[in-house]
C-alpha cells in the first residue's frame, strides 16, 4: 500500500482508533498489576508493561492466520483471563520490604494478560491493515502514549477510589466472556442461545467480583 495514498491514511486511522479502544484494557491491566509496588517501580512496570503489550500485539497480528487454526484457543484464553481478573483483584499490598522480583512478576502478569486479550482483538487490526505490517506498527506506536497516560491515570485514581480495582477486574472478566463466546466451535451454540451468552457474561463478572469480595472479607484485620 502506497504511503501517500488516501487508502493508506484511512487504514492507519482505522487502526489507531482500534488501538485506542484496546488501550483501555491494556491500561487497566498495567494499573492493577502495578498498584502495590513502590512509586519508582510503578514507572518501570508502566514502561516495560507497555513495551511488552505493543510487541505482543504486533507479533500476534503477524501470526493471526496461524493462530486461528488452533482449536479452542479463545476458550482457553478466556478462562485464563478470568483467573487473571480475579488474581489482580485479590492481590494484596505487602507491608515491609517489597520482594526483589515483584516488579518482574507484575510485568509478567501484564504480558500474559495482554497476550490473552490480544488473541481476540488482533482480528480487527489485521482486517484494517490489509496485510500491511507497517500500518500495524505505526498504529501501535501512536497508541503508546495513550497506554502510558491511561495506566498512570488509573494508578492515581486507584489511590483515591479503591472501587476502581473492582471496576477494572469486571472489565477484564467481561473481556474474558467475550473471548469465550467468540470461540469458533462455540459461536453457533451461543448465537442460537443469546440468553446463555448474556448469562455467561453475568456469571463470570459477578462471580469474579463476589469471590474477590469474599477474599477481602476473610483477610485478618
N, C-alpha and C. Protein backbone atom coordinates (compact mmCIF):
# COMPACT_ATOMS: atom_id res chain seq x y z
N UNK A 1 0.85 -1.20 0.00
CA UNK A 1 0.00 0.00 0.00
C UNK A 1 0.88 1.25 0.00
N UNK A 2 0.62 2.16 -0.95
CA UNK A 2 1.44 3.36 -1.09
C UNK A 2 1.25 4.29 0.10
N UNK A 3 2.38 4.77 0.62
CA UNK A 3 2.40 5.63 1.81
C UNK A 3 1.63 6.93 1.59
N UNK A 4 1.56 7.42 0.35
CA UNK A 4 0.98 8.73 0.07
C UNK A 4 -0.47 8.66 -0.43
N UNK A 5 -1.09 7.51 -0.35
CA UNK A 5 -2.46 7.38 -0.83
C UNK A 5 -3.47 7.59 0.28
N UNK A 6 -4.70 7.92 -0.12
CA UNK A 6 -5.79 8.10 0.85
C UNK A 6 -6.12 6.79 1.53
N UNK A 7 -5.99 5.67 0.79
CA UNK A 7 -6.27 4.35 1.38
C UNK A 7 -5.35 4.07 2.56
N UNK A 8 -4.07 4.44 2.40
CA UNK A 8 -3.09 4.21 3.48
C UNK A 8 -3.50 4.96 4.74
N UNK A 9 -3.82 6.24 4.59
CA UNK A 9 -4.13 7.08 5.74
C UNK A 9 -5.47 6.72 6.36
N UNK A 10 -6.42 6.32 5.56
CA UNK A 10 -7.71 5.90 6.12
C UNK A 10 -7.56 4.58 6.89
N UNK A 11 -6.71 3.68 6.35
CA UNK A 11 -6.45 2.42 7.04
C UNK A 11 -5.71 2.68 8.35
N UNK A 12 -4.73 3.60 8.31
CA UNK A 12 -3.98 3.94 9.53
C UNK A 12 -4.91 4.53 10.58
N UNK A 13 -5.83 5.40 10.16
CA UNK A 13 -6.78 5.99 11.10
C UNK A 13 -7.65 4.92 11.74
N UNK A 14 -8.08 3.94 10.95
CA UNK A 14 -8.90 2.85 11.48
C UNK A 14 -8.14 2.07 12.53
N UNK A 15 -6.87 1.77 12.25
CA UNK A 15 -6.06 1.00 13.18
C UNK A 15 -5.81 1.78 14.46
N UNK A 16 -5.54 3.09 14.33
CA UNK A 16 -5.32 3.92 15.52
C UNK A 16 -6.56 3.92 16.40
N UNK A 17 -7.74 4.06 15.80
CA UNK A 17 -8.98 4.05 16.57
C UNK A 17 -9.14 2.71 17.29
N UNK A 18 -8.88 1.61 16.58
CA UNK A 18 -8.97 0.28 17.20
C UNK A 18 -7.99 0.16 18.35
N UNK A 19 -6.75 0.61 18.12
CA UNK A 19 -5.73 0.51 19.17
C UNK A 19 -6.07 1.36 20.39
N UNK A 20 -6.69 2.52 20.16
CA UNK A 20 -7.06 3.38 21.28
C UNK A 20 -8.15 2.72 22.12
N UNK A 21 -9.07 2.03 21.46
CA UNK A 21 -10.10 1.30 22.19
C UNK A 21 -9.47 0.17 23.00
N UNK A 22 -8.56 -0.56 22.36
CA UNK A 22 -7.89 -1.67 23.05
C UNK A 22 -6.97 -1.18 24.16
N UNK A 23 -6.48 0.06 24.04
CA UNK A 23 -5.56 0.59 25.04
C UNK A 23 -6.21 0.67 26.41
N UNK A 24 -7.54 0.76 26.44
CA UNK A 24 -8.23 0.78 27.73
C UNK A 24 -7.97 -0.48 28.52
N UNK A 25 -8.07 -1.64 27.87
CA UNK A 25 -7.79 -2.91 28.54
C UNK A 25 -6.35 -2.97 29.01
N UNK A 26 -5.44 -2.55 28.13
CA UNK A 26 -4.01 -2.56 28.49
C UNK A 26 -3.75 -1.69 29.71
N UNK A 27 -4.33 -0.50 29.72
CA UNK A 27 -4.11 0.42 30.83
C UNK A 27 -4.65 -0.14 32.14
N UNK A 28 -5.80 -0.81 32.08
CA UNK A 28 -6.40 -1.40 33.28
C UNK A 28 -5.48 -2.48 33.85
N UNK A 29 -5.01 -3.37 32.98
CA UNK A 29 -4.13 -4.45 33.44
C UNK A 29 -2.86 -3.89 34.06
N UNK A 30 -2.24 -2.93 33.39
CA UNK A 30 -0.99 -2.35 33.89
C UNK A 30 -1.24 -1.64 35.22
N UNK A 31 -2.33 -0.87 35.29
CA UNK A 31 -2.64 -0.15 36.52
C UNK A 31 -2.88 -1.07 37.70
N UNK A 32 -3.66 -2.14 37.49
CA UNK A 32 -3.94 -3.07 38.58
C UNK A 32 -2.69 -3.84 39.00
N UNK A 33 -1.88 -4.24 38.02
CA UNK A 33 -0.69 -5.03 38.34
C UNK A 33 0.36 -4.20 39.07
N UNK A 34 0.39 -2.90 38.80
CA UNK A 34 1.45 -2.04 39.37
C UNK A 34 1.04 -1.36 40.67
N UNK A 35 -0.22 -1.47 41.06
CA UNK A 35 -0.72 -0.63 42.14
C UNK A 35 -0.06 -0.90 43.50
N UNK A 36 0.45 -2.10 43.71
CA UNK A 36 1.01 -2.45 45.02
C UNK A 36 2.52 -2.25 45.10
N UNK A 37 3.11 -1.72 44.05
CA UNK A 37 4.56 -1.51 44.04
C UNK A 37 4.91 -0.09 44.46
N UNK A 38 6.14 0.12 44.92
CA UNK A 38 6.59 1.50 45.24
C UNK A 38 6.51 2.38 44.01
N UNK A 39 6.43 3.69 44.22
CA UNK A 39 6.25 4.65 43.13
C UNK A 39 7.32 4.52 42.05
N UNK A 40 8.59 4.34 42.47
CA UNK A 40 9.66 4.26 41.48
C UNK A 40 9.54 3.01 40.62
N UNK A 41 9.07 1.91 41.22
CA UNK A 41 8.90 0.68 40.45
C UNK A 41 7.66 0.73 39.57
N UNK A 42 6.64 1.50 39.98
CA UNK A 42 5.44 1.63 39.15
C UNK A 42 5.78 2.19 37.77
N UNK A 43 6.70 3.18 37.73
CA UNK A 43 7.10 3.76 36.45
C UNK A 43 7.77 2.72 35.56
N UNK A 44 8.58 1.85 36.17
CA UNK A 44 9.25 0.80 35.39
C UNK A 44 8.24 -0.21 34.87
N UNK A 45 7.24 -0.56 35.70
CA UNK A 45 6.23 -1.51 35.28
C UNK A 45 5.42 -0.94 34.11
N UNK A 46 5.08 0.36 34.20
CA UNK A 46 4.34 1.00 33.10
C UNK A 46 5.16 0.95 31.81
N UNK A 47 6.47 1.24 31.91
CA UNK A 47 7.32 1.24 30.72
C UNK A 47 7.41 -0.16 30.12
N UNK A 48 7.81 -1.14 30.94
CA UNK A 48 8.01 -2.49 30.42
C UNK A 48 6.68 -3.16 30.06
N UNK A 49 5.64 -2.87 30.83
CA UNK A 49 4.33 -3.43 30.51
C UNK A 49 3.81 -2.91 29.19
N UNK A 50 3.96 -1.60 28.96
CA UNK A 50 3.54 -1.02 27.68
C UNK A 50 4.36 -1.57 26.52
N UNK A 51 5.67 -1.66 26.71
CA UNK A 51 6.54 -2.20 25.66
C UNK A 51 6.14 -3.63 25.33
N UNK A 52 5.91 -4.44 26.37
CA UNK A 52 5.51 -5.82 26.15
C UNK A 52 4.18 -5.92 25.43
N UNK A 53 3.22 -5.06 25.82
CA UNK A 53 1.90 -5.08 25.19
C UNK A 53 1.99 -4.76 23.70
N UNK A 54 2.80 -3.75 23.36
CA UNK A 54 2.93 -3.35 21.96
C UNK A 54 3.59 -4.45 21.13
N UNK A 55 4.66 -5.02 21.66
CA UNK A 55 5.38 -6.07 20.93
C UNK A 55 4.50 -7.30 20.73
N UNK A 56 3.82 -7.70 21.81
CA UNK A 56 2.95 -8.87 21.73
C UNK A 56 1.84 -8.66 20.71
N UNK A 57 1.23 -7.44 20.72
CA UNK A 57 0.14 -7.17 19.79
C UNK A 57 0.61 -7.23 18.35
N UNK A 58 1.83 -6.72 18.09
CA UNK A 58 2.37 -6.77 16.73
C UNK A 58 2.64 -8.21 16.29
N UNK A 59 3.24 -9.00 17.18
CA UNK A 59 3.55 -10.40 16.84
C UNK A 59 2.29 -11.21 16.62
N UNK A 60 1.27 -10.97 17.46
CA UNK A 60 0.02 -11.70 17.30
C UNK A 60 -0.66 -11.36 15.98
N UNK A 61 -0.56 -10.11 15.58
CA UNK A 61 -1.15 -9.70 14.31
C UNK A 61 -0.48 -10.41 13.14
N UNK A 62 0.85 -10.55 13.21
CA UNK A 62 1.57 -11.27 12.18
C UNK A 62 1.15 -12.74 12.12
N UNK A 63 0.86 -13.31 13.30
CA UNK A 63 0.59 -14.76 13.38
C UNK A 63 -0.90 -15.07 13.41
N UNK A 64 -1.77 -14.07 13.14
CA UNK A 64 -3.19 -14.27 13.35
C UNK A 64 -3.76 -15.41 12.51
N UNK A 65 -3.34 -15.54 11.25
CA UNK A 65 -3.86 -16.60 10.39
C UNK A 65 -3.55 -17.98 10.96
N UNK A 66 -2.32 -18.13 11.46
CA UNK A 66 -1.91 -19.41 12.04
C UNK A 66 -2.64 -19.66 13.36
N UNK A 67 -2.79 -18.61 14.16
CA UNK A 67 -3.43 -18.76 15.47
C UNK A 67 -4.88 -19.21 15.35
N UNK A 68 -5.57 -18.71 14.31
CA UNK A 68 -6.98 -19.04 14.15
C UNK A 68 -7.20 -20.52 13.86
N UNK A 69 -6.15 -21.22 13.46
CA UNK A 69 -6.27 -22.65 13.16
C UNK A 69 -6.17 -23.51 14.41
N UNK A 70 -5.80 -22.91 15.54
CA UNK A 70 -5.67 -23.67 16.78
C UNK A 70 -7.04 -23.77 17.44
N UNK A 71 -7.63 -24.98 17.52
CA UNK A 71 -8.98 -25.11 18.10
C UNK A 71 -8.97 -24.86 19.61
N UNK A 72 -9.98 -24.14 20.06
CA UNK A 72 -10.14 -23.91 21.49
C UNK A 72 -9.24 -22.84 22.07
N UNK A 73 -8.52 -22.10 21.22
CA UNK A 73 -7.54 -21.12 21.72
C UNK A 73 -8.24 -19.98 22.47
N UNK A 74 -9.31 -19.44 21.89
CA UNK A 74 -10.02 -18.35 22.55
C UNK A 74 -10.68 -18.82 23.84
N UNK A 75 -11.17 -20.05 23.85
CA UNK A 75 -11.78 -20.60 25.06
C UNK A 75 -10.77 -20.69 26.19
N UNK A 76 -9.61 -21.25 25.89
CA UNK A 76 -8.55 -21.36 26.90
C UNK A 76 -8.09 -19.98 27.34
N UNK A 77 -7.92 -19.07 26.38
CA UNK A 77 -7.51 -17.72 26.71
C UNK A 77 -8.52 -17.00 27.58
N UNK A 78 -9.80 -17.19 27.29
CA UNK A 78 -10.84 -16.56 28.09
C UNK A 78 -10.84 -17.06 29.53
N UNK A 79 -10.67 -18.37 29.69
CA UNK A 79 -10.62 -18.95 31.04
C UNK A 79 -9.40 -18.41 31.80
N UNK A 80 -8.27 -18.32 31.11
CA UNK A 80 -7.06 -17.78 31.74
C UNK A 80 -7.26 -16.32 32.15
N UNK A 81 -7.96 -15.55 31.31
CA UNK A 81 -8.18 -14.15 31.64
C UNK A 81 -9.12 -13.99 32.84
N UNK A 82 -10.06 -14.90 33.02
CA UNK A 82 -10.91 -14.87 34.22
C UNK A 82 -10.05 -15.01 35.46
N UNK A 83 -9.09 -15.94 35.42
CA UNK A 83 -8.20 -16.13 36.56
C UNK A 83 -7.34 -14.87 36.80
N UNK A 84 -6.86 -14.26 35.73
CA UNK A 84 -6.05 -13.05 35.87
C UNK A 84 -6.89 -11.92 36.47
N UNK A 85 -8.15 -11.79 36.04
CA UNK A 85 -9.04 -10.77 36.59
C UNK A 85 -9.22 -10.95 38.10
N UNK A 86 -9.38 -12.20 38.52
CA UNK A 86 -9.52 -12.49 39.95
C UNK A 86 -8.20 -12.24 40.69
N UNK A 87 -7.10 -12.68 40.09
CA UNK A 87 -5.79 -12.55 40.73
C UNK A 87 -5.44 -11.08 40.94
N UNK A 88 -5.69 -10.24 39.94
CA UNK A 88 -5.39 -8.82 40.06
C UNK A 88 -6.29 -8.15 41.10
N UNK A 89 -7.49 -8.70 41.27
CA UNK A 89 -8.42 -8.13 42.24
C UNK A 89 -8.01 -8.40 43.68
N UNK A 90 -7.49 -9.61 43.91
CA UNK A 90 -7.21 -10.01 45.30
C UNK A 90 -5.75 -9.82 45.70
N UNK A 91 -4.89 -9.43 44.77
CA UNK A 91 -3.50 -9.18 45.14
C UNK A 91 -3.46 -8.12 46.23
N UNK A 92 -2.82 -8.46 47.34
CA UNK A 92 -2.81 -7.57 48.48
C UNK A 92 -1.51 -6.78 48.53
N UNK A 93 -1.61 -5.62 49.09
CA UNK A 93 -0.43 -4.77 49.26
C UNK A 93 0.41 -5.32 50.38
N UNK A 94 1.66 -5.64 50.08
CA UNK A 94 2.53 -6.20 51.10
C UNK A 94 3.13 -5.10 51.96
N UNK A 95 3.29 -5.43 53.23
CA UNK A 95 3.90 -4.48 54.14
C UNK A 95 5.37 -4.85 54.33
N UNK A 96 6.16 -3.84 54.60
CA UNK A 96 7.58 -4.11 54.77
C UNK A 96 8.29 -4.06 53.45
N UNK A 97 9.39 -4.80 53.34
CA UNK A 97 10.19 -4.78 52.13
C UNK A 97 9.46 -5.45 50.98
N UNK A 98 9.56 -4.85 49.82
CA UNK A 98 8.98 -5.43 48.61
C UNK A 98 9.96 -6.42 48.03
N UNK A 99 9.47 -7.59 47.65
CA UNK A 99 10.35 -8.61 47.10
C UNK A 99 11.04 -8.10 45.84
N UNK A 100 12.25 -8.52 45.63
CA UNK A 100 13.03 -8.01 44.50
C UNK A 100 12.43 -8.42 43.17
N UNK A 101 11.68 -9.53 43.15
CA UNK A 101 11.13 -10.00 41.88
C UNK A 101 9.71 -9.50 41.64
N UNK A 102 9.20 -8.63 42.53
CA UNK A 102 7.81 -8.18 42.41
C UNK A 102 7.59 -7.41 41.11
N UNK A 103 8.56 -6.58 40.73
CA UNK A 103 8.42 -5.80 39.51
C UNK A 103 8.26 -6.72 38.31
N UNK A 104 9.12 -7.71 38.20
CA UNK A 104 9.07 -8.58 37.02
C UNK A 104 7.89 -9.53 37.08
N UNK A 105 7.41 -9.83 38.29
CA UNK A 105 6.18 -10.62 38.41
C UNK A 105 5.00 -9.83 37.85
N UNK A 106 4.95 -8.53 38.16
CA UNK A 106 3.90 -7.66 37.64
C UNK A 106 3.99 -7.56 36.12
N UNK A 107 5.21 -7.37 35.60
CA UNK A 107 5.40 -7.27 34.15
C UNK A 107 4.97 -8.56 33.47
N UNK A 108 5.32 -9.70 34.07
CA UNK A 108 4.93 -11.00 33.51
C UNK A 108 3.41 -11.14 33.45
N UNK A 109 2.74 -10.73 34.53
CA UNK A 109 1.28 -10.79 34.56
C UNK A 109 0.68 -9.93 33.46
N UNK A 110 1.24 -8.73 33.27
CA UNK A 110 0.75 -7.81 32.24
C UNK A 110 0.89 -8.43 30.85
N UNK A 111 2.06 -9.00 30.57
CA UNK A 111 2.32 -9.56 29.24
C UNK A 111 1.41 -10.76 28.97
N UNK A 112 1.21 -11.61 29.99
CA UNK A 112 0.31 -12.76 29.82
C UNK A 112 -1.10 -12.29 29.53
N UNK A 113 -1.57 -11.30 30.31
CA UNK A 113 -2.93 -10.79 30.12
C UNK A 113 -3.08 -10.14 28.75
N UNK A 114 -2.09 -9.36 28.33
CA UNK A 114 -2.15 -8.70 27.03
C UNK A 114 -2.13 -9.72 25.89
N UNK A 115 -1.37 -10.78 26.07
CA UNK A 115 -1.33 -11.84 25.06
C UNK A 115 -2.70 -12.49 24.92
N UNK A 116 -3.31 -12.79 26.06
CA UNK A 116 -4.63 -13.42 26.05
C UNK A 116 -5.66 -12.51 25.41
N UNK A 117 -5.71 -11.23 25.84
CA UNK A 117 -6.68 -10.30 25.28
C UNK A 117 -6.42 -10.03 23.80
N UNK A 118 -5.16 -10.05 23.42
CA UNK A 118 -4.81 -9.76 22.03
C UNK A 118 -5.32 -10.79 21.05
N UNK A 119 -5.52 -12.03 21.51
CA UNK A 119 -5.97 -13.09 20.61
C UNK A 119 -7.29 -12.72 19.94
N UNK A 120 -8.17 -12.08 20.71
CA UNK A 120 -9.47 -11.73 20.17
C UNK A 120 -9.44 -10.43 19.38
N UNK A 121 -8.52 -9.55 19.75
CA UNK A 121 -8.54 -8.19 19.19
C UNK A 121 -7.72 -8.02 17.91
N UNK A 122 -6.73 -8.89 17.70
CA UNK A 122 -5.88 -8.72 16.51
C UNK A 122 -6.65 -8.95 15.21
N UNK A 123 -7.79 -9.63 15.30
CA UNK A 123 -8.59 -9.85 14.10
C UNK A 123 -9.02 -8.52 13.47
N UNK A 124 -9.46 -7.59 14.31
CA UNK A 124 -9.89 -6.29 13.80
C UNK A 124 -8.72 -5.53 13.20
N UNK A 125 -7.57 -5.59 13.87
CA UNK A 125 -6.39 -4.87 13.37
C UNK A 125 -5.91 -5.48 12.06
N UNK A 126 -5.89 -6.81 12.01
CA UNK A 126 -5.44 -7.49 10.79
C UNK A 126 -6.32 -7.13 9.61
N UNK A 127 -7.63 -7.04 9.85
CA UNK A 127 -8.55 -6.68 8.77
C UNK A 127 -8.35 -5.24 8.30
N UNK A 128 -8.13 -4.33 9.25
CA UNK A 128 -7.98 -2.91 8.90
C UNK A 128 -6.64 -2.63 8.22
N UNK A 129 -5.63 -3.46 8.48
CA UNK A 129 -4.30 -3.19 7.94
C UNK A 129 -4.14 -3.65 6.49
N UNK A 130 -5.06 -4.49 6.01
CA UNK A 130 -5.00 -5.01 4.63
C UNK A 130 -3.65 -5.68 4.36
N UNK A 131 -3.11 -6.36 5.37
CA UNK A 131 -1.87 -7.10 5.21
C UNK A 131 -0.61 -6.27 5.33
N UNK A 132 -0.72 -5.00 5.70
CA UNK A 132 0.45 -4.14 5.81
C UNK A 132 0.96 -4.13 7.26
N UNK A 133 2.13 -4.73 7.48
CA UNK A 133 2.71 -4.74 8.83
C UNK A 133 3.13 -3.33 9.23
N UNK A 134 3.52 -2.50 8.25
CA UNK A 134 3.89 -1.12 8.55
C UNK A 134 2.73 -0.38 9.20
N UNK A 135 1.52 -0.58 8.68
CA UNK A 135 0.35 0.06 9.26
C UNK A 135 0.12 -0.39 10.70
N UNK A 136 0.29 -1.67 10.94
CA UNK A 136 0.11 -2.21 12.29
C UNK A 136 1.09 -1.57 13.25
N UNK A 137 2.36 -1.52 12.85
CA UNK A 137 3.40 -0.96 13.71
C UNK A 137 3.15 0.53 13.98
N UNK A 138 2.81 1.29 12.94
CA UNK A 138 2.54 2.71 13.11
C UNK A 138 1.36 2.94 14.06
N UNK A 139 0.32 2.16 13.88
CA UNK A 139 -0.84 2.29 14.76
C UNK A 139 -0.51 2.01 16.20
N UNK A 140 0.29 0.96 16.42
CA UNK A 140 0.69 0.60 17.78
C UNK A 140 1.57 1.68 18.40
N UNK A 141 2.50 2.22 17.62
CA UNK A 141 3.38 3.27 18.13
C UNK A 141 2.59 4.51 18.53
N UNK A 142 1.59 4.84 17.73
CA UNK A 142 0.78 6.01 18.04
C UNK A 142 -0.02 5.81 19.33
N UNK A 143 -0.39 4.55 19.60
CA UNK A 143 -1.21 4.27 20.79
C UNK A 143 -0.40 4.21 22.08
N UNK A 144 0.95 4.16 21.97
CA UNK A 144 1.79 4.03 23.16
C UNK A 144 1.53 5.14 24.19
N UNK A 145 1.52 6.42 23.80
CA UNK A 145 1.28 7.47 24.80
C UNK A 145 -0.06 7.31 25.52
N UNK A 146 -1.08 6.79 24.80
CA UNK A 146 -2.39 6.59 25.41
C UNK A 146 -2.32 5.54 26.50
N UNK A 147 -1.60 4.44 26.23
CA UNK A 147 -1.48 3.36 27.22
C UNK A 147 -0.72 3.87 28.45
N UNK A 148 0.38 4.60 28.22
CA UNK A 148 1.18 5.12 29.33
C UNK A 148 0.35 6.10 30.16
N UNK A 149 -0.32 7.03 29.48
CA UNK A 149 -1.13 8.02 30.19
C UNK A 149 -2.28 7.35 30.93
N UNK A 150 -2.94 6.40 30.26
CA UNK A 150 -4.07 5.71 30.89
C UNK A 150 -3.65 4.92 32.12
N UNK A 151 -2.51 4.23 32.03
CA UNK A 151 -2.02 3.45 33.17
C UNK A 151 -1.70 4.36 34.35
N UNK A 152 -1.04 5.48 34.07
CA UNK A 152 -0.69 6.43 35.13
C UNK A 152 -1.95 7.00 35.77
N UNK A 153 -2.95 7.33 34.95
CA UNK A 153 -4.20 7.88 35.47
C UNK A 153 -4.91 6.87 36.37
N UNK A 154 -4.95 5.61 35.92
CA UNK A 154 -5.63 4.57 36.71
C UNK A 154 -4.93 4.37 38.04
N UNK A 155 -3.60 4.40 38.06
CA UNK A 155 -2.87 4.26 39.31
C UNK A 155 -3.23 5.39 40.29
N UNK A 156 -3.32 6.61 39.77
CA UNK A 156 -3.68 7.75 40.62
C UNK A 156 -5.10 7.62 41.14
N UNK A 157 -6.02 7.18 40.28
CA UNK A 157 -7.41 7.06 40.68
C UNK A 157 -7.62 5.94 41.69
N UNK A 158 -6.83 4.85 41.56
CA UNK A 158 -6.94 3.74 42.50
C UNK A 158 -6.64 4.19 43.92
N UNK A 159 -5.64 5.07 44.05
CA UNK A 159 -5.29 5.58 45.38
C UNK A 159 -6.46 6.34 46.01
N UNK A 160 -7.22 7.05 45.18
CA UNK A 160 -8.33 7.86 45.70
C UNK A 160 -9.64 7.10 45.75
N UNK A 161 -9.84 6.22 44.77
CA UNK A 161 -11.10 5.49 44.68
C UNK A 161 -10.81 3.99 44.49
N UNK A 162 -10.63 3.25 45.59
CA UNK A 162 -10.30 1.82 45.50
C UNK A 162 -11.32 0.99 44.73
N UNK A 163 -12.55 1.49 44.59
CA UNK A 163 -13.57 0.73 43.86
C UNK A 163 -13.17 0.51 42.41
N UNK A 164 -12.25 1.33 41.90
CA UNK A 164 -11.79 1.19 40.53
C UNK A 164 -11.13 -0.17 40.32
N UNK A 165 -10.56 -0.74 41.38
CA UNK A 165 -9.97 -2.07 41.30
C UNK A 165 -11.04 -3.08 40.88
N UNK A 166 -12.21 -2.96 41.49
CA UNK A 166 -13.32 -3.86 41.16
C UNK A 166 -13.83 -3.60 39.75
N UNK A 167 -13.92 -2.33 39.36
CA UNK A 167 -14.37 -1.99 38.01
C UNK A 167 -13.41 -2.56 36.97
N UNK A 168 -12.10 -2.43 37.23
CA UNK A 168 -11.10 -2.97 36.31
C UNK A 168 -11.20 -4.47 36.17
N UNK A 169 -11.36 -5.17 37.29
CA UNK A 169 -11.49 -6.63 37.23
C UNK A 169 -12.76 -7.04 36.50
N UNK A 170 -13.84 -6.26 36.68
CA UNK A 170 -15.09 -6.55 35.98
C UNK A 170 -14.92 -6.41 34.47
N UNK A 171 -14.18 -5.38 34.05
CA UNK A 171 -13.92 -5.18 32.61
C UNK A 171 -13.14 -6.36 32.04
N UNK A 172 -12.14 -6.84 32.78
CA UNK A 172 -11.34 -7.98 32.31
C UNK A 172 -12.20 -9.25 32.25
N UNK A 173 -13.07 -9.44 33.25
CA UNK A 173 -13.95 -10.62 33.24
C UNK A 173 -14.92 -10.55 32.06
N UNK A 174 -15.42 -9.33 31.76
CA UNK A 174 -16.31 -9.15 30.61
C UNK A 174 -15.57 -9.48 29.32
N UNK A 175 -14.31 -9.03 29.22
CA UNK A 175 -13.50 -9.34 28.04
C UNK A 175 -13.31 -10.84 27.90
N UNK A 176 -13.11 -11.52 29.02
CA UNK A 176 -12.94 -12.98 29.01
C UNK A 176 -14.20 -13.67 28.49
N UNK A 177 -15.37 -13.19 28.92
CA UNK A 177 -16.62 -13.80 28.45
C UNK A 177 -16.80 -13.61 26.95
N UNK A 178 -16.39 -12.44 26.46
CA UNK A 178 -16.49 -12.17 25.02
C UNK A 178 -15.59 -13.12 24.24
N UNK A 179 -14.40 -13.39 24.76
CA UNK A 179 -13.48 -14.32 24.09
C UNK A 179 -14.10 -15.71 24.03
N UNK A 180 -14.70 -16.14 25.13
CA UNK A 180 -15.26 -17.49 25.20
C UNK A 180 -16.41 -17.65 24.20
N UNK A 181 -17.32 -16.67 24.14
CA UNK A 181 -18.45 -16.79 23.22
C UNK A 181 -18.03 -16.60 21.77
N UNK A 182 -16.86 -16.00 21.54
CA UNK A 182 -16.35 -15.84 20.17
C UNK A 182 -15.54 -17.05 19.71
N UNK A 183 -15.33 -18.01 20.59
CA UNK A 183 -14.62 -19.23 20.19
C UNK A 183 -15.34 -19.87 19.01
N UNK A 184 -14.63 -20.11 17.89
CA UNK A 184 -15.30 -20.59 16.66
C UNK A 184 -16.21 -21.80 16.86
N UNK A 185 -15.78 -22.82 17.61
CA UNK A 185 -16.62 -24.01 17.71
C UNK A 185 -17.75 -23.84 18.73
N UNK A 186 -17.81 -22.68 19.41
CA UNK A 186 -18.91 -22.39 20.33
C UNK A 186 -19.83 -21.28 19.82
N UNK A 187 -19.40 -20.59 18.77
CA UNK A 187 -20.16 -19.43 18.29
C UNK A 187 -21.59 -19.78 17.93
N UNK A 188 -21.79 -20.86 17.21
CA UNK A 188 -23.13 -21.25 16.79
C UNK A 188 -24.01 -21.55 18.00
N UNK A 189 -23.42 -22.19 19.00
CA UNK A 189 -24.16 -22.54 20.22
C UNK A 189 -24.67 -21.28 20.93
N UNK A 190 -23.79 -20.30 21.09
CA UNK A 190 -24.19 -19.07 21.78
C UNK A 190 -25.08 -18.20 20.89
N UNK A 191 -24.87 -18.27 19.57
CA UNK A 191 -25.70 -17.50 18.64
C UNK A 191 -27.15 -17.93 18.71
N UNK A 192 -27.36 -19.23 18.90
CA UNK A 192 -28.70 -19.78 18.98
C UNK A 192 -29.29 -19.66 20.39
N UNK A 193 -28.46 -19.27 21.34
CA UNK A 193 -28.90 -19.14 22.74
C UNK A 193 -28.40 -17.82 23.32
N UNK A 194 -28.96 -16.69 22.86
CA UNK A 194 -28.47 -15.38 23.33
C UNK A 194 -28.58 -15.20 24.83
N UNK A 195 -29.61 -15.80 25.45
CA UNK A 195 -29.75 -15.69 26.90
C UNK A 195 -28.59 -16.37 27.61
N UNK A 196 -28.11 -17.47 27.02
CA UNK A 196 -26.98 -18.18 27.61
C UNK A 196 -25.71 -17.34 27.50
N UNK A 197 -25.59 -16.62 26.39
CA UNK A 197 -24.44 -15.74 26.18
C UNK A 197 -24.38 -14.68 27.27
N UNK A 198 -25.48 -13.99 27.49
CA UNK A 198 -25.51 -12.95 28.50
C UNK A 198 -25.43 -13.54 29.90
N UNK A 199 -26.01 -14.74 30.05
CA UNK A 199 -25.92 -15.41 31.35
C UNK A 199 -24.49 -15.73 31.72
N UNK A 200 -23.71 -16.20 30.74
CA UNK A 200 -22.30 -16.49 30.99
C UNK A 200 -21.55 -15.22 31.38
N UNK A 201 -21.82 -14.12 30.68
CA UNK A 201 -21.15 -12.86 30.98
C UNK A 201 -21.45 -12.42 32.41
N UNK A 202 -22.72 -12.49 32.80
CA UNK A 202 -23.12 -12.09 34.15
C UNK A 202 -22.46 -12.98 35.20
N UNK A 203 -22.48 -14.29 34.96
CA UNK A 203 -21.90 -15.23 35.91
C UNK A 203 -20.40 -14.97 36.11
N UNK A 204 -19.68 -14.74 35.01
CA UNK A 204 -18.24 -14.51 35.11
C UNK A 204 -17.92 -13.20 35.82
N UNK A 205 -18.60 -12.12 35.42
CA UNK A 205 -18.34 -10.81 36.03
C UNK A 205 -18.72 -10.81 37.50
N UNK A 206 -19.94 -11.23 37.80
CA UNK A 206 -20.41 -11.24 39.19
C UNK A 206 -19.60 -12.23 40.02
N UNK A 207 -19.27 -13.38 39.42
CA UNK A 207 -18.50 -14.39 40.14
C UNK A 207 -17.13 -13.89 40.55
N UNK A 208 -16.42 -13.24 39.63
CA UNK A 208 -15.09 -12.69 39.95
C UNK A 208 -15.20 -11.65 41.06
N UNK A 209 -16.19 -10.77 40.97
CA UNK A 209 -16.34 -9.71 41.97
C UNK A 209 -16.72 -10.28 43.33
N UNK A 210 -17.63 -11.26 43.35
CA UNK A 210 -18.05 -11.86 44.63
C UNK A 210 -16.90 -12.62 45.29
N UNK A 211 -16.16 -13.40 44.49
CA UNK A 211 -15.03 -14.14 45.04
C UNK A 211 -13.97 -13.20 45.57
N UNK A 212 -13.74 -12.11 44.84
CA UNK A 212 -12.78 -11.11 45.30
C UNK A 212 -13.22 -10.47 46.59
N UNK A 213 -14.52 -10.15 46.68
CA UNK A 213 -15.07 -9.55 47.90
C UNK A 213 -14.97 -10.50 49.08
N UNK A 214 -15.29 -11.77 48.83
CA UNK A 214 -15.20 -12.78 49.91
C UNK A 214 -13.76 -12.94 50.38
N UNK A 215 -12.83 -12.87 49.44
CA UNK A 215 -11.41 -13.00 49.80
C UNK A 215 -10.98 -11.83 50.69
N UNK A 216 -11.42 -10.62 50.35
CA UNK A 216 -11.03 -9.44 51.14
C UNK A 216 -11.67 -9.48 52.53
N UNK A 217 -12.86 -10.06 52.64
CA UNK A 217 -13.52 -10.13 53.95
C UNK A 217 -12.87 -11.18 54.85
N UNK A 218 -12.19 -12.15 54.23
CA UNK A 218 -11.50 -13.18 55.03
C UNK A 218 -10.15 -12.71 55.53
N UNK A 219 -9.66 -11.56 55.03
CA UNK A 219 -8.35 -11.07 55.44
C UNK A 219 -8.36 -10.74 56.92
N UNK A 220 -7.27 -11.11 57.63
CA UNK A 220 -7.21 -10.77 59.05
C UNK A 220 -7.12 -9.26 59.24
N UNK A 221 -7.79 -8.74 60.22
CA UNK A 221 -7.78 -7.29 60.49
C UNK A 221 -6.66 -6.94 61.43
